[in-house]
Amino acid sequence: LALYGHADAGGYWEKHCETQLLKFGFQTIPNWRSVYYHPKERAMLMVYVGDFKLAGPRKSLHAIWVAMRKHLVL
């Protein structure tokens, strides 16, 4: 359901997104909210509202996007 206008819409999205990202190997970074590290793929992901910025070895990026699409509607 859309939560547009809800006072905590961003908080609900952040919690949902983080839960899904942790399912396939991303880890949180202490004191750095909405930024995640995938140690196996050596990739870093920054999430801001609906924007995802992914950095890492070129050979890993496609597989990470495919995995994220299994858990999140992007």
C-alpha atoms as a PDB file:
ATOM      1  CA  LEU A   1       0.000   0.000   0.000  1.00  0.00           C
ATOM      2  CA  ALA A   2       1.175   3.507  -0.724  1.00  0.00           C
ATOM      3  CA  LEU A   3       2.050   5.452   2.380  1.00  0.00           C
ATOM      4  CA  TYR A   4       2.391   8.854   0.723  1.00  0.00           C
ATOM      5  CA  GLY A   5       1.602  11.548   3.244  1.00  0.00           C
ATOM      6  CA  HIS A   6       1.961   9.208   6.223  1.00  0.00           C
ATOM      7  CA  ALA A   7       4.141  10.789   8.886  1.00  0.00           C
ATOM      8  CA  ASP A   8       6.467   7.782   9.041  1.00  0.00           C
ATOM      9  CA  ALA A   9       6.305   6.562   5.426  1.00  0.00           C
ATOM     10  CA  GLY A  10      10.081   6.881   5.096  1.00  0.00           C
ATOM     11  CA  GLY A  11      10.663   4.898   8.274  1.00  0.00           C
ATOM     12  CA  TYR A  12       8.451   2.044   7.120  1.00  0.00           C
ATOM     13  CA  TRP A  13      10.186   1.932   3.735  1.00  0.00           C
ATOM     14  CA  GLU A  14      13.632   2.036   5.345  1.00  0.00           C
ATOM     15  CA  LYS A  15      12.764  -0.884   7.655  1.00  0.00           C
ATOM     16  CA  HIS A  16      11.280  -2.957   4.802  1.00  0.00           C
ATOM     17  CA  CYS A  17      14.186  -2.253   2.463  1.00  0.00           C
ATOM     18  CA  GLU A  18      16.818  -3.089   5.078  1.00  0.00           C
ATOM     19  CA  THR A  19      15.057  -6.339   6.006  1.00  0.00           C
ATOM     20  CA  GLN A  20      15.102  -7.428   2.367  1.00  0.00           C
ATOM     21  CA  LEU A  21      18.731  -6.417   1.753  1.00  0.00           C
ATOM     22  CA  LEU A  22      19.944  -8.344   4.798  1.00  0.00           C
ATOM     23  CA  LYS A  23      18.301 -11.508   3.413  1.00  0.00           C
ATOM     24  CA  PHE A  24      20.843 -11.870   0.633  1.00  0.00           C
ATOM     25  CA  GLY A  25      24.107 -10.853   2.178  1.00  0.00           C
ATOM     26  CA  PHE A  26      24.224  -7.108   2.679  1.00  0.00           C
ATOM     27  CA  GLN A  27      25.321  -5.941   6.110  1.00  0.00           C
ATOM     28  CA  THR A  28      24.617  -2.673   7.867  1.00  0.00           C
ATOM     29  CA  ILE A  29      27.459  -0.278   8.560  1.00  0.00           C
ATOM     30  CA  PRO A  30      27.472   1.023  12.148  1.00  0.00           C
ATOM     31  CA  ASN A  31      26.530   4.701  12.459  1.00  0.00           C
ATOM     32  CA  TRP A  32      25.936   4.995   8.705  1.00  0.00           C
ATOM     33  CA  ARG A  33      22.227   4.545   8.046  1.00  0.00           C
ATOM     34  CA  SER A  34      20.987   3.444   4.638  1.00  0.00           C
ATOM     35  CA  VAL A  35      24.451   2.349   3.531  1.00  0.00           C
ATOM     36  CA  TYR A  36      25.176  -1.370   3.230  1.00  0.00           C
ATOM     37  CA  TYR A  37      28.177  -3.535   2.464  1.00  0.00           C
ATOM     38  CA  HIS A  38      28.175  -6.960   0.774  1.00  0.00           C
ATOM     39  CA  PRO A  39      31.411  -8.644   1.904  1.00  0.00           C
ATOM     40  CA  LYS A  40      31.254 -11.587  -0.526  1.00  0.00           C
ATOM     41  CA  GLU A  41      30.818  -9.320  -3.562  1.00  0.00           C
ATOM     42  CA  ARG A  42      32.858  -6.441  -2.072  1.00  0.00           C
ATOM     43  CA  ALA A  43      30.075  -4.029  -2.993  1.00  0.00           C
ATOM     44  CA  MET A  44      28.606  -0.996  -1.271  1.00  0.00           C
ATOM     45  CA  LEU A  45      25.008   0.141  -1.629  1.00  0.00           C
ATOM     46  CA  MET A  46      23.487   3.479  -0.661  1.00  0.00           C
ATOM     47  CA  VAL A  47      19.702   3.785  -0.457  1.00  0.00           C
ATOM     48  CA  TYR A  48      17.986   7.169  -0.410  1.00  0.00           C
ATOM     49  CA  VAL A  49      14.196   7.021  -0.649  1.00  0.00           C
ATOM     50  CA  GLY A  50      13.764   5.310  -4.042  1.00  0.00           C
ATOM     51  CA  ASP A  51      17.319   5.787  -5.290  1.00  0.00           C
ATOM     52  CA  PHE A  52      19.843   2.976  -5.093  1.00  0.00           C
ATOM     53  CA  LYS A  53      23.525   3.676  -5.743  1.00  0.00           C
ATOM     54  CA  LEU A  54      25.650   0.536  -6.059  1.00  0.00           C
ATOM     55  CA  ALA A  55      29.442   0.436  -6.298  1.00  0.00           C
ATOM     56  CA  GLY A  56      31.724  -2.556  -6.523  1.00  0.00           C
ATOM     57  CA  PRO A  57      33.597  -4.792  -8.937  1.00  0.00           C
ATOM     58  CA  ARG A  58      31.996  -4.596 -12.367  1.00  0.00           C
ATOM     59  CA  LYS A  59      31.619  -8.389 -12.614  1.00  0.00           C
ATOM     60  CA  SER A  60      29.437  -8.460  -9.462  1.00  0.00           C
ATOM     61  CA  LEU A  61      27.035  -5.608 -10.155  1.00  0.00           C
ATOM     62  CA  HIS A  62      24.607  -7.371 -12.497  1.00  0.00           C
ATOM     63  CA  ALA A  63      24.168 -10.331 -10.127  1.00  0.00           C
ATOM     64  CA  ILE A  64      23.502  -7.997  -7.209  1.00  0.00           C
ATOM     65  CA  TRP A  65      20.800  -6.089  -9.134  1.00  0.00           C
ATOM     66  CA  VAL A  66      19.162  -9.395 -10.106  1.00  0.00           C
ATOM     67  CA  ALA A  67      19.190 -10.555  -6.461  1.00  0.00           C
ATOM     68  CA  MET A  68      17.742  -7.252  -5.242  1.00  0.00           C
ATOM     69  CA  ARG A  69      14.886  -7.494  -7.754  1.00  0.00           C
ATOM     70  CA  LYS A  70      13.907 -10.831  -6.231  1.00  0.00           C
ATOM     71  CA  HIS A  71      13.307  -9.127  -2.892  1.00  0.00           C
ATOM     72  CA  LEU A  72      12.333  -5.546  -3.803  1.00  0.00           C
ATOM     73  CA  VAL A  73      10.234  -4.044  -6.540  1.00  0.00           C
ATOM     74  CA  LEU A  74      12.712  -1.734  -8.283  1.00  0.00           C
END
